[in-house]
Amino acid sequence: MTYPRTFFRALRSTKGLAAIEFALIAPLLAFTILALADTANFALAATSMQRAERAGIQYFMNGGTDTSAAKTIVTGTWTNPPSGYTVTASKVCRCGNGRSATCGASCSNGQPSTTNMMITATATVNGVLMSLPESHTEFLRVQ
């Protein structure tokens, strides 16, 4: 009959309670730390991507017209790009109604088409817990 008494005494004991509480909360704390690290990694990657695209747009703003040179500038400016990233630079001409047009040609309403320089960067940023596809596009209307 000493077993029930020992069992109830063990239930009332508080020895080792802190260790049990820590063992229950430690996985949640570890997950939170890893999630914060991934979030910071995603934010840094997005910032780096946008900074590189702006460098390419700056090239166009300074009078450059070569899309391959802009692509090279973006690729060279992008710090720590993820593997498998892509950068495209293109010249897009549109009419006032948003339809695509031939560059230098007049639109159906007689107005000249507008020229836009476009840079798009795409990458998949890998974190410890998850991966995030990131894509960003910068436009510049050329006068």
Protein backbone atom coordinates (compact mmCIF):
# COMPACT_ATOMS: atom_id res chain seq x y z
CA MET A 1 0.00 0.00 0.00
CA THR A 2 2.96 2.32 -0.17
CA TYR A 3 2.59 2.77 -3.93
CA PRO A 4 -0.38 5.18 -3.81
CA ARG A 5 1.29 7.22 -1.09
CA THR A 6 4.53 7.46 -3.11
CA PHE A 7 2.58 8.35 -6.24
CA PHE A 8 0.70 11.20 -4.57
CA ARG A 9 3.88 12.47 -2.93
CA ALA A 10 5.55 12.57 -6.36
CA LEU A 11 2.63 14.56 -7.78
CA ARG A 12 2.98 17.20 -5.03
CA SER A 13 6.73 17.50 -5.46
CA THR A 14 8.01 20.58 -7.31
CA LYS A 15 11.54 19.29 -7.86
CA GLY A 16 12.47 19.40 -11.54
CA LEU A 17 9.45 21.50 -12.50
CA ALA A 18 11.59 24.17 -14.17
CA ALA A 19 13.32 21.53 -16.28
CA ILE A 20 9.98 20.14 -17.42
CA GLU A 21 8.67 23.62 -18.28
CA PHE A 22 11.83 24.38 -20.24
CA ALA A 23 11.56 21.08 -22.11
CA LEU A 24 8.02 22.00 -23.13
CA ILE A 25 8.82 25.58 -24.24
CA ALA A 26 12.28 25.01 -25.83
CA PRO A 27 10.95 23.78 -29.23
CA LEU A 28 8.72 26.84 -29.50
CA LEU A 29 11.63 29.14 -28.70
CA ALA A 30 13.86 27.40 -31.25
CA PHE A 31 11.18 27.67 -33.94
CA THR A 32 10.69 31.37 -33.18
CA ILE A 33 14.42 32.08 -33.46
CA LEU A 34 14.67 30.23 -36.79
CA ALA A 35 11.58 32.01 -38.14
CA LEU A 36 13.05 35.39 -37.19
CA ALA A 37 16.31 34.49 -38.91
CA ASP A 38 14.42 33.51 -42.08
CA THR A 39 12.41 36.74 -41.99
CA ALA A 40 15.58 38.81 -41.70
CA ASN A 41 17.17 36.84 -44.54
CA PHE A 42 14.13 37.44 -46.78
CA ALA A 43 14.12 41.17 -46.01
CA LEU A 44 17.84 41.51 -46.76
CA ALA A 45 17.46 39.59 -50.02
CA ALA A 46 14.54 41.76 -51.17
CA THR A 47 16.42 44.94 -50.30
CA SER A 48 19.51 43.78 -52.17
CA MET A 49 17.41 42.87 -55.23
CA GLN A 50 15.67 46.24 -55.31
CA ARG A 51 18.94 48.13 -54.84
CA ALA A 52 20.44 46.31 -57.82
CA GLU A 53 17.40 47.06 -59.98
CA ARG A 54 17.60 50.73 -59.09
CA ALA A 55 21.24 50.75 -60.20
CA GLY A 56 20.09 49.48 -63.60
CA ILE A 57 17.32 52.09 -63.77
CA GLN A 58 19.89 54.76 -62.85
CA TYR A 59 21.91 53.66 -65.89
CA PHE A 60 18.85 54.34 -68.07
CA MET A 61 18.23 57.66 -66.32
CA ASN A 62 21.77 58.73 -67.15
CA GLY A 63 21.08 58.20 -70.86
CA GLY A 64 22.04 54.56 -71.34
CA THR A 65 19.98 52.55 -73.82
CA ASP A 66 21.73 49.17 -73.96
CA THR A 67 19.59 46.59 -72.16
CA SER A 68 22.43 44.06 -71.91
CA ALA A 69 24.61 46.70 -70.21
CA ALA A 70 21.79 47.41 -67.75
CA LYS A 71 21.45 43.69 -67.05
CA THR A 72 25.20 43.48 -66.40
CA ILE A 73 24.99 46.45 -64.01
CA VAL A 74 22.12 44.83 -62.09
CA THR A 75 23.93 41.50 -61.88
CA GLY A 76 27.15 43.18 -60.71
CA THR A 77 25.41 45.36 -58.12
CA TRP A 78 23.30 42.59 -56.60
CA THR A 79 25.08 41.54 -53.41
CA ASN A 80 24.82 37.85 -52.52
CA PRO A 81 22.22 36.87 -55.14
CA PRO A 82 20.55 33.50 -54.53
CA SER A 83 21.45 30.68 -56.87
CA GLY A 84 19.12 30.44 -59.84
CA TYR A 85 18.29 34.15 -60.01
CA THR A 86 17.28 35.82 -63.27
CA VAL A 87 17.52 39.40 -64.46
CA THR A 88 15.84 40.76 -67.57
CA ALA A 89 16.11 44.26 -68.99
CA SER A 90 13.86 45.30 -71.85
CA LYS A 91 12.48 48.23 -73.76
CA VAL A 92 8.69 48.36 -73.90
CA CYS A 93 6.71 50.82 -76.01
CA ARG A 94 3.02 51.51 -75.35
CA CYS A 95 0.23 53.71 -76.57
CA GLY A 96 -1.87 55.88 -74.27
CA ASN A 97 -4.49 53.13 -73.92
CA GLY A 98 -1.89 50.73 -72.50
CA ARG A 99 -1.56 48.56 -75.59
CA SER A 100 1.87 47.61 -76.80
CA ALA A 101 3.16 49.51 -79.82
CA THR A 102 6.14 49.69 -82.10
CA CYS A 103 8.81 51.95 -80.67
CA GLY A 104 8.99 55.28 -82.50
CA ALA A 105 5.70 54.70 -84.33
CA SER A 106 2.52 56.70 -83.87
CA CYS A 107 -0.45 55.20 -82.10
CA SER A 108 -3.96 54.96 -83.59
CA ASN A 109 -4.89 58.28 -81.94
CA GLY A 110 -1.95 60.02 -83.63
CA GLN A 111 0.06 60.37 -80.45
CA PRO A 112 3.59 58.98 -80.35
CA SER A 113 4.14 55.80 -78.38
CA THR A 114 5.82 56.10 -74.99
CA THR A 115 9.01 54.21 -74.29
CA ASN A 116 9.49 52.45 -70.96
CA MET A 117 12.63 50.73 -69.79
CA MET A 118 11.86 47.74 -67.61
CA ILE A 119 14.10 45.66 -65.35
CA THR A 120 12.77 42.51 -63.70
CA ALA A 121 14.64 40.40 -61.17
CA THR A 122 13.41 37.04 -59.91
CA ALA A 123 14.91 34.68 -57.35
CA THR A 124 13.97 32.08 -54.79
CA VAL A 125 15.40 32.90 -51.38
CA ASN A 126 16.05 29.81 -49.29
CA GLY A 127 15.82 29.99 -45.53
CA VAL A 128 16.25 27.48 -42.75
CA LEU A 129 12.53 26.71 -42.43
CA MET A 130 11.08 27.79 -45.77
CA SER A 131 11.77 29.23 -49.21
CA LEU A 132 10.26 32.39 -50.61
CA PRO A 133 9.96 33.26 -54.32
CA GLU A 134 10.78 36.94 -54.80
CA SER A 135 10.14 38.98 -57.95
CA HIS A 136 10.40 42.71 -58.47
CA THR A 137 10.08 45.01 -61.49
CA GLU A 138 11.25 48.59 -61.96
CA PHE A 139 9.93 50.83 -64.76
CA LEU A 140 11.28 54.06 -66.18
CA ARG A 141 9.37 56.14 -68.69
CA VAL A 142 11.76 57.64 -71.20
CA GLN A 143 10.91 61.08 -72.60
